[in-house]
Amino acid sequence: MARTYRGLIIIKTPFDLALYPRLIWELQPRTIIELGSCQGGSGLWFADNMSVLCEKPGEVHSFDLYTKLVHENARASTTTYLSSS
C-alpha cells in the first residue's frame, strides 16, 4: 500500500512520519538532505513541516538517480531536487 502526501508518493514508514516532526521541532534544522526522491512527495513533506515547525526558514535538498520522476507539484521554493550517481 503506497502512502501519499498531497497526491504524491511518499516512501516513508508510519513510524518515520511520526518521528520526523518531533526531530524537526527539536533540532530546528536549516537544511535537510534526503537521498532518494521518487516523485518528490517526501521532499515536499519535509519542506512543509519545516515551514510550520521551524522558527527560521530552511531548505530541503533531495538527491536521486532519476530526477525526471519528480512531479512538478513537488517543486517548492525551498526544495531542490538534484541528480546524483
PDB file of N, CA and C in Angstrom:
ATOM      1  N   MET A   1       0.836  -1.173   0.000  1.00  0.00           N
ATOM      2  CA  MET A   1       0.000   0.000   0.000  1.00  0.00           C
ATOM      3  C   MET A   1       0.891   1.251   0.000  1.00  0.00           C
ATOM      4  N   ALA A   2       0.717   2.059  -0.998  1.00  0.00           N
ATOM      5  CA  ALA A   2       1.527   3.272  -1.124  1.00  0.00           C
ATOM      6  C   ALA A   2       0.926   4.399  -0.290  1.00  0.00           C
ATOM      7  N   ARG A   3       1.794   5.136   0.380  1.00  0.00           N
ATOM      8  CA  ARG A   3       1.357   6.318   1.104  1.00  0.00           C
ATOM      9  C   ARG A   3       1.573   7.518   0.196  1.00  0.00           C
ATOM     10  N   THR A   4       0.696   8.491   0.322  1.00  0.00           N
ATOM     11  CA  THR A   4       0.824   9.692  -0.495  1.00  0.00           C
ATOM     12  C   THR A   4       0.747  10.929   0.393  1.00  0.00           C
ATOM     13  N   TYR A   5       1.318  11.991  -0.115  1.00  0.00           N
ATOM     14  CA  TYR A   5       1.227  13.300   0.525  1.00  0.00           C
ATOM     15  C   TYR A   5       0.935  14.304  -0.567  1.00  0.00           C
ATOM     16  N   ARG A   6      -0.168  14.995  -0.444  1.00  0.00           N
ATOM     17  CA  ARG A   6      -0.617  15.963  -1.452  1.00  0.00           C
ATOM     18  C   ARG A   6      -0.628  15.339  -2.848  1.00  0.00           C
ATOM     19  N   GLY A   7      -1.044  14.073  -2.906  1.00  0.00           N
ATOM     20  CA  GLY A   7      -1.190  13.368  -4.176  1.00  0.00           C
ATOM     21  C   GLY A   7       0.077  12.755  -4.731  1.00  0.00           C
ATOM     22  N   LEU A   8       1.195  12.868  -4.009  1.00  0.00           N
ATOM     23  CA  LEU A   8       2.467  12.336  -4.480  1.00  0.00           C
ATOM     24  C   LEU A   8       2.905  11.169  -3.605  1.00  0.00           C
ATOM     25  N   ILE A   9       3.535  10.175  -4.221  1.00  0.00           N
ATOM     26  CA  ILE A   9       4.006   9.012  -3.472  1.00  0.00           C
ATOM     27  C   ILE A   9       5.079   9.442  -2.471  1.00  0.00           C
ATOM     28  N   ILE A  10       4.943   8.929  -1.259  1.00  0.00           N
ATOM     29  CA  ILE A  10       5.926   9.195  -0.210  1.00  0.00           C
ATOM     30  C   ILE A  10       6.343   7.842   0.361  1.00  0.00           C
ATOM     31  N   ILE A  11       7.617   7.555   0.272  1.00  0.00           N
ATOM     32  CA  ILE A  11       8.127   6.250   0.694  1.00  0.00           C
ATOM     33  C   ILE A  11       8.760   6.405   2.080  1.00  0.00           C
ATOM     34  N   LYS A  12       7.917   6.485   3.071  1.00  0.00           N
ATOM     35  CA  LYS A  12       8.329   6.572   4.467  1.00  0.00           C
ATOM     36  C   LYS A  12       7.382   5.677   5.264  1.00  0.00           C
ATOM     37  N   THR A  13       7.888   5.106   6.344  1.00  0.00           N
ATOM     38  CA  THR A  13       7.036   4.278   7.199  1.00  0.00           C
ATOM     39  C   THR A  13       6.197   5.181   8.103  1.00  0.00           C
ATOM     40  N   PRO A  14       5.093   4.669   8.628  1.00  0.00           N
ATOM     41  CA  PRO A  14       4.317   5.469   9.583  1.00  0.00           C
ATOM     42  C   PRO A  14       5.161   5.902  10.787  1.00  0.00           C
ATOM     43  N   PHE A  15       6.090   5.052  11.208  1.00  0.00           N
ATOM     44  CA  PHE A  15       6.980   5.412  12.312  1.00  0.00           C
ATOM     45  C   PHE A  15       7.824   6.637  11.943  1.00  0.00           C
ATOM     46  N   ASP A  16       8.379   6.633  10.720  1.00  0.00           N
ATOM     47  CA  ASP A  16       9.175   7.784  10.260  1.00  0.00           C
ATOM     48  C   ASP A  16       8.341   9.057  10.255  1.00  0.00           C
ATOM     49  N   LEU A  17       7.122   8.961   9.743  1.00  0.00           N
ATOM     50  CA  LEU A  17       6.264  10.138   9.633  1.00  0.00           C
ATOM     51  C   LEU A  17       5.852  10.676  11.002  1.00  0.00           C
ATOM     52  N   ALA A  18       5.871   9.828  12.020  1.00  0.00           N
ATOM     53  CA  ALA A  18       5.585  10.280  13.379  1.00  0.00           C
ATOM     54  C   ALA A  18       6.833  10.859  14.043  1.00  0.00           C
ATOM     55  N   LEU A  19       8.006  10.329  13.712  1.00  0.00           N
ATOM     56  CA  LEU A  19       9.254  10.731  14.351  1.00  0.00           C
ATOM     57  C   LEU A  19       9.827  12.030  13.788  1.00  0.00           C
ATOM     58  N   TYR A  20       9.789  12.195  12.475  1.00  0.00           N
ATOM     59  CA  TYR A  20      10.421  13.356  11.839  1.00  0.00           C
ATOM     60  C   TYR A  20       9.903  14.704  12.348  1.00  0.00           C
ATOM     61  N   PRO A  21       8.591  14.911  12.514  1.00  0.00           N
ATOM     62  CA  PRO A  21       8.154  16.224  13.025  1.00  0.00           C
ATOM     63  C   PRO A  21       8.747  16.550  14.392  1.00  0.00           C
ATOM     64  N   ARG A  22       8.871  15.545  15.234  1.00  0.00           N
ATOM     65  CA  ARG A  22       9.466  15.769  16.557  1.00  0.00           C
ATOM     66  C   ARG A  22      10.928  16.196  16.417  1.00  0.00           C
ATOM     67  N   LEU A  23      11.666  15.512  15.535  1.00  0.00           N
ATOM     68  CA  LEU A  23      13.068  15.873  15.312  1.00  0.00           C
ATOM     69  C   LEU A  23      13.197  17.276  14.718  1.00  0.00           C
ATOM     70  N   ILE A  24      12.333  17.581  13.764  1.00  0.00           N
ATOM     71  CA  ILE A  24      12.374  18.910  13.136  1.00  0.00           C
ATOM     72  C   ILE A  24      12.095  19.988  14.181  1.00  0.00           C
ATOM     73  N   TRP A  25      11.117  19.749  15.046  1.00  0.00           N
ATOM     74  CA  TRP A  25      10.782  20.716  16.090  1.00  0.00           C
ATOM     75  C   TRP A  25      11.950  20.911  17.059  1.00  0.00           C
ATOM     76  N   GLU A  26      12.544  19.825  17.496  1.00  0.00           N
ATOM     77  CA  GLU A  26      13.604  19.916  18.491  1.00  0.00           C
ATOM     78  C   GLU A  26      14.922  20.446  17.931  1.00  0.00           C
ATOM     79  N   LEU A  27      15.274  20.020  16.720  1.00  0.00           N
ATOM     80  CA  LEU A  27      16.576  20.385  16.155  1.00  0.00           C
ATOM     81  C   LEU A  27      16.562  21.694  15.370  1.00  0.00           C
ATOM     82  N   GLN A  28      15.407  22.125  14.887  1.00  0.00           N
ATOM     83  CA  GLN A  28      15.285  23.351  14.101  1.00  0.00           C
ATOM     84  C   GLN A  28      16.320  23.407  12.969  1.00  0.00           C
ATOM     85  N   PRO A  29      16.337  22.387  12.089  1.00  0.00           N
ATOM     86  CA  PRO A  29      17.375  22.355  11.046  1.00  0.00           C
ATOM     87  C   PRO A  29      17.180  23.463  10.018  1.00  0.00           C
ATOM     88  N   ARG A  30      18.265  23.940   9.479  1.00  0.00           N
ATOM     89  CA  ARG A  30      18.223  24.915   8.373  1.00  0.00           C
ATOM     90  C   ARG A  30      18.273  24.191   7.039  1.00  0.00           C
ATOM     91  N   THR A  31      18.802  22.932   7.056  1.00  0.00           N
ATOM     92  CA  THR A  31      18.931  22.137   5.842  1.00  0.00           C
ATOM     93  C   THR A  31      18.602  20.683   6.149  1.00  0.00           C
ATOM     94  N   ILE A  32      17.819  20.073   5.268  1.00  0.00           N
ATOM     95  CA  ILE A  32      17.576  18.636   5.325  1.00  0.00           C
ATOM     96  C   ILE A  32      18.073  18.053   4.010  1.00  0.00           C
ATOM     97  N   ILE A  33      18.862  16.986   4.097  1.00  0.00           N
ATOM     98  CA  ILE A  33      19.361  16.297   2.911  1.00  0.00           C
ATOM     99  C   ILE A  33      18.678  14.943   2.851  1.00  0.00           C
ATOM    100  N   GLU A  34      18.058  14.666   1.713  1.00  0.00           N
ATOM    101  CA  GLU A  34      17.334  13.416   1.517  1.00  0.00           C
ATOM    102  C   GLU A  34      17.974  12.652   0.358  1.00  0.00           C
ATOM    103  N   LEU A  35      18.135  11.363   0.538  1.00  0.00           N
ATOM    104  CA  LEU A  35      18.651  10.505  -0.526  1.00  0.00           C
ATOM    105  C   LEU A  35      17.510   9.649  -1.046  1.00  0.00           C
ATOM    106  N   GLY A  36      17.144   9.864  -2.300  1.00  0.00           N
ATOM    107  CA  GLY A  36      16.030   9.155  -2.919  1.00  0.00           C
ATOM    108  C   GLY A  36      14.805  10.041  -2.964  1.00  0.00           C
ATOM    109  N   SER A  37      14.405  10.454  -4.158  1.00  0.00           N
ATOM    110  CA  SER A  37      13.306  11.405  -4.304  1.00  0.00           C
ATOM    111  C   SER A  37      11.988  10.784  -4.747  1.00  0.00           C
ATOM    112  N   CYS A  38      12.056   9.765  -5.598  1.00  0.00           N
ATOM    113  CA  CYS A  38      10.855   9.198  -6.241  1.00  0.00           C
ATOM    114  C   CYS A  38      10.086  10.339  -6.909  1.00  0.00           C
ATOM    115  N   GLN A  39       8.828  10.561  -6.548  1.00  0.00           N
ATOM    116  CA  GLN A  39       8.044  11.642  -7.144  1.00  0.00           C
ATOM    117  C   GLN A  39       8.273  12.988  -6.459  1.00  0.00           C
ATOM    118  N   GLY A  40       8.962  12.974  -5.337  1.00  0.00           N
ATOM    119  CA  GLY A  40       9.219  14.213  -4.609  1.00  0.00           C
ATOM    120  C   GLY A  40       8.273  14.449  -3.446  1.00  0.00           C
ATOM    121  N   GLY A  41       7.419  13.492  -3.143  1.00  0.00           N
ATOM    122  CA  GLY A  41       6.444  13.654  -2.069  1.00  0.00           C
ATOM    123  C   GLY A  41       7.070  13.868  -0.708  1.00  0.00           C
ATOM    124  N   SER A  42       8.114  13.113  -0.403  1.00  0.00           N
ATOM    125  CA  SER A  42       8.717  13.270   0.923  1.00  0.00           C
ATOM    126  C   SER A  42       9.520  14.562   1.029  1.00  0.00           C
ATOM    127  N   GLY A  43      10.145  14.998  -0.066  1.00  0.00           N
ATOM    128  CA  GLY A  43      10.839  16.286  -0.051  1.00  0.00           C
ATOM    129  C   GLY A  43       9.868  17.424   0.211  1.00  0.00           C
ATOM    130  N   LEU A  44       8.716  17.368  -0.433  1.00  0.00           N
ATOM    131  CA  LEU A  44       7.673  18.364  -0.207  1.00  0.00           C
ATOM    132  C   LEU A  44       7.151  18.278   1.223  1.00  0.00           C
ATOM    133  N   TRP A  45       6.993  17.063   1.734  1.00  0.00           N
ATOM    134  CA  TRP A  45       6.529  16.856   3.109  1.00  0.00           C
ATOM    135  C   TRP A  45       7.513  17.475   4.096  1.00  0.00           C
ATOM    136  N   PHE A  46       8.820  17.229   3.883  1.00  0.00           N
ATOM    137  CA  PHE A  46       9.835  17.827   4.744  1.00  0.00           C
ATOM    138  C   PHE A  46       9.767  19.359   4.687  1.00  0.00           C
ATOM    139  N   ALA A  47       9.663  19.919   3.486  1.00  0.00           N
ATOM    140  CA  ALA A  47       9.616  21.376   3.325  1.00  0.00           C
ATOM    141  C   ALA A  47       8.396  21.967   4.024  1.00  0.00           C
ATOM    142  N   ASP A  48       7.245  21.330   3.879  1.00  0.00           N
ATOM    143  CA  ASP A  48       6.032  21.821   4.532  1.00  0.00           C
ATOM    144  C   ASP A  48       6.152  21.747   6.048  1.00  0.00           C
ATOM    145  N   ASN A  49       6.715  20.659   6.562  1.00  0.00           N
ATOM    146  CA  ASN A  49       6.889  20.523   8.004  1.00  0.00           C
ATOM    147  C   ASN A  49       7.878  21.545   8.547  1.00  0.00           C
ATOM    148  N   MET A  50       8.937  21.802   7.800  1.00  0.00           N
ATOM    149  CA  MET A  50       9.900  22.811   8.239  1.00  0.00           C
ATOM    150  C   MET A  50       9.268  24.199   8.265  1.00  0.00           C
ATOM    151  N   SER A  51       8.420  24.497   7.301  1.00  0.00           N
ATOM    152  CA  SER A  51       7.802  25.824   7.256  1.00  0.00           C
ATOM    153  C   SER A  51       6.854  26.048   8.435  1.00  0.00           C
ATOM    154  N   VAL A  52       6.295  24.969   8.965  1.00  0.00           N
ATOM    155  CA  VAL A  52       5.371  25.074  10.099  1.00  0.00           C
ATOM    156  C   VAL A  52       6.108  24.992  11.440  1.00  0.00           C
ATOM    157  N   LEU A  53       7.106  24.118  11.530  1.00  0.00           N
ATOM    158  CA  LEU A  53       7.723  23.802  12.817  1.00  0.00           C
ATOM    159  C   LEU A  53       9.001  24.569  13.135  1.00  0.00           C
ATOM    160  N   CYS A  54       9.640  25.142  12.129  1.00  0.00           N
ATOM    161  CA  CYS A  54      10.917  25.829  12.351  1.00  0.00           C
ATOM    162  C   CYS A  54      10.715  27.340  12.463  1.00  0.00           C
ATOM    163  N   GLU A  55      11.483  27.951  13.347  1.00  0.00           N
ATOM    164  CA  GLU A  55      11.392  29.394  13.519  1.00  0.00           C
ATOM    165  C   GLU A  55      11.978  30.151  12.332  1.00  0.00           C
ATOM    166  N   LYS A  56      13.046  29.602  11.739  1.00  0.00           N
ATOM    167  CA  LYS A  56      13.669  30.215  10.567  1.00  0.00           C
ATOM    168  C   LYS A  56      13.447  29.299   9.367  1.00  0.00           C
ATOM    169  N   PRO A  57      13.228  29.868   8.192  1.00  0.00           N
ATOM    170  CA  PRO A  57      13.015  29.024   7.005  1.00  0.00           C
ATOM    171  C   PRO A  57      14.252  28.196   6.671  1.00  0.00           C
ATOM    172  N   GLY A  58      14.010  27.015   6.144  1.00  0.00           N
ATOM    173  CA  GLY A  58      15.110  26.131   5.787  1.00  0.00           C
ATOM    174  C   GLY A  58      14.953  25.601   4.373  1.00  0.00           C
ATOM    175  N   GLU A  59      15.871  24.724   3.988  1.00  0.00           N
ATOM    176  CA  GLU A  59      15.874  24.157   2.645  1.00  0.00           C
ATOM    177  C   GLU A  59      15.933  22.643   2.716  1.00  0.00           C
ATOM    178  N   VAL A  60      15.360  22.006   1.691  1.00  0.00           N
ATOM    179  CA  VAL A  60      15.449  20.556   1.538  1.00  0.00           C
ATOM    180  C   VAL A  60      16.190  20.287   0.236  1.00  0.00           C
ATOM    181  N   HIS A  61      17.235  19.475   0.301  1.00  0.00           N
ATOM    182  CA  HIS A  61      17.974  19.059  -0.884  1.00  0.00           C
ATOM    183  C   HIS A  61      17.786  17.554  -1.016  1.00  0.00           C
ATOM    184  N   SER A  62      17.186  17.135  -2.126  1.00  0.00           N
ATOM    185  CA  SER A  62      16.880  15.725  -2.340  1.00  0.00           C
ATOM    186  C   SER A  62      17.673  15.227  -3.548  1.00  0.00           C
ATOM    187  N   PHE A  63      18.395  14.133  -3.363  1.00  0.00           N
ATOM    188  CA  PHE A  63      19.239  13.569  -4.410  1.00  0.00           C
ATOM    189  C   PHE A  63      18.665  12.245  -4.892  1.00  0.00           C
ATOM    190  N   ASP A  64      18.690  12.026  -6.203  1.00  0.00           N
ATOM    191  CA  ASP A  64      18.209  10.771  -6.776  1.00  0.00           C
ATOM    192  C   ASP A  64      18.919  10.542  -8.115  1.00  0.00           C
ATOM    193  N   LEU A  65      18.926   9.286  -8.544  1.00  0.00           N
ATOM    194  CA  LEU A  65      19.488   8.956  -9.853  1.00  0.00           C
ATOM    195  C   LEU A  65      18.625   9.494 -10.981  1.00  0.00           C
ATOM    196  N   TYR A  66      17.313   9.482 -10.769  1.00  0.00           N
ATOM    197  CA  TYR A  66      16.364   9.836 -11.825  1.00  0.00           C
ATOM    198  C   TYR A  66      15.467  10.982 -11.374  1.00  0.00           C
ATOM    199  N   THR A  67      15.943  12.198 -11.490  1.00  0.00           N
ATOM    200  CA  THR A  67      15.139  13.345 -11.070  1.00  0.00           C
ATOM    201  C   THR A  67      14.006  13.644 -12.042  1.00  0.00           C
ATOM    202  N   LYS A  68      13.979  12.979 -13.183  1.00  0.00           N
ATOM    203  CA  LYS A  68      12.877  13.176 -14.125  1.00  0.00           C
ATOM    204  C   LYS A  68      11.566  12.643 -13.567  1.00  0.00           C
ATOM    205  N   LEU A  69      11.638  11.767 -12.562  1.00  0.00           N
ATOM    206  CA  LEU A  69      10.438  11.216 -11.941  1.00  0.00           C
ATOM    207  C   LEU A  69       9.770  12.196 -10.981  1.00  0.00           C
ATOM    208  N   VAL A  70      10.484  13.250 -10.576  1.00  0.00           N
ATOM    209  CA  VAL A  70       9.938  14.218  -9.625  1.00  0.00           C
ATOM    210  C   VAL A  70       8.805  14.987 -10.303  1.00  0.00           C
ATOM    211  N   HIS A  71       7.658  14.969  -9.668  1.00  0.00           N
ATOM    212  CA  HIS A  71       6.463  15.629 -10.201  1.00  0.00           C
ATOM    213  C   HIS A  71       6.593  17.144 -10.053  1.00  0.00           C
ATOM    214  N   GLU A  72       6.018  17.883 -10.994  1.00  0.00           N
ATOM    215  CA  GLU A  72       6.115  19.346 -10.952  1.00  0.00           C
ATOM    216  C   GLU A  72       5.449  19.936  -9.712  1.00  0.00           C
ATOM    217  N   ASN A  73       4.441  19.254  -9.152  1.00  0.00           N
ATOM    218  CA  ASN A  73       3.781  19.745  -7.943  1.00  0.00           C
ATOM    219  C   ASN A  73       4.664  19.617  -6.703  1.00  0.00           C
ATOM    220  N   ALA A  74       5.739  18.848  -6.789  1.00  0.00           N
ATOM    221  CA  ALA A  74       6.639  18.667  -5.647  1.00  0.00           C
ATOM    222  C   ALA A  74       7.672  19.783  -5.556  1.00  0.00           C
ATOM    223  N   ARG A  75       7.766  20.576  -6.555  1.00  0.00           N
ATOM    224  CA  ARG A  75       8.798  21.610  -6.577  1.00  0.00           C
ATOM    225  C   ARG A  75       8.319  22.847  -5.819  1.00  0.00           C
ATOM    226  N   ALA A  76       8.939  23.071  -4.680  1.00  0.00           N
ATOM    227  CA  ALA A  76       8.639  24.238  -3.851  1.00  0.00           C
ATOM    228  C   ALA A  76       9.862  25.149  -3.857  1.00  0.00           C
ATOM    229  N   SER A  77       9.673  26.373  -3.425  1.00  0.00           N
ATOM    230  CA  SER A  77      10.800  27.309  -3.446  1.00  0.00           C
ATOM    231  C   SER A  77      11.920  26.900  -2.501  1.00  0.00           C
ATOM    232  N   THR A  78      11.612  26.094  -1.495  1.00  0.00           N
ATOM    233  CA  THR A  78      12.622  25.694  -0.530  1.00  0.00           C
ATOM    234  C   THR A  78      13.123  24.277  -0.765  1.00  0.00           C
ATOM    235  N   THR A  79      12.726  23.656  -1.872  1.00  0.00           N
ATOM    236  CA  THR A  79      13.091  22.265  -2.158  1.00  0.00           C
ATOM    237  C   THR A  79      13.876  22.202  -3.460  1.00  0.00           C
ATOM    238  N   THR A  80      15.016  21.524  -3.427  1.00  0.00           N
ATOM    239  CA  THR A  80      15.853  21.344  -4.611  1.00  0.00           C
ATOM    240  C   THR A  80      16.018  19.852  -4.864  1.00  0.00           C
ATOM    241  N   TYR A  81      15.817  19.426  -6.102  1.00  0.00           N
ATOM    242  CA  TYR A  81      15.994  18.023  -6.493  1.00  0.00           C
ATOM    243  C   TYR A  81      17.197  17.946  -7.417  1.00  0.00           C
ATOM    244  N   LEU A  82      18.186  17.171  -7.006  1.00  0.00           N
ATOM    245  CA  LEU A  82      19.447  17.080  -7.738  1.00  0.00           C
ATOM    246  C   LEU A  82      19.716  15.657  -8.166  1.00  0.00           C
ATOM    247  N   SER A  83      20.301  15.521  -9.345  1.00  0.00           N
ATOM    248  CA  SER A  83      20.666  14.200  -9.868  1.00  0.00           C
ATOM    249  C   SER A  83      22.017  13.798  -9.317  1.00  0.00           C
ATOM    250  N   SER A  84      22.149  12.538  -8.942  1.00  0.00           N
ATOM    251  CA  SER A  84      23.423  12.039  -8.436  1.00  0.00           C
ATOM    252  C   SER A  84      23.635  10.621  -8.937  1.00  0.00           C
ATOM    253  N   SER A  85      24.854  10.175  -8.878  1.00  0.00           N
ATOM    254  CA  SER A  85      25.151   8.809  -9.318  1.00  0.00           C
ATOM    255  C   SER A  85      25.913   8.057  -8.250  1.00  0.00           C
TER     256      SER A  85
END
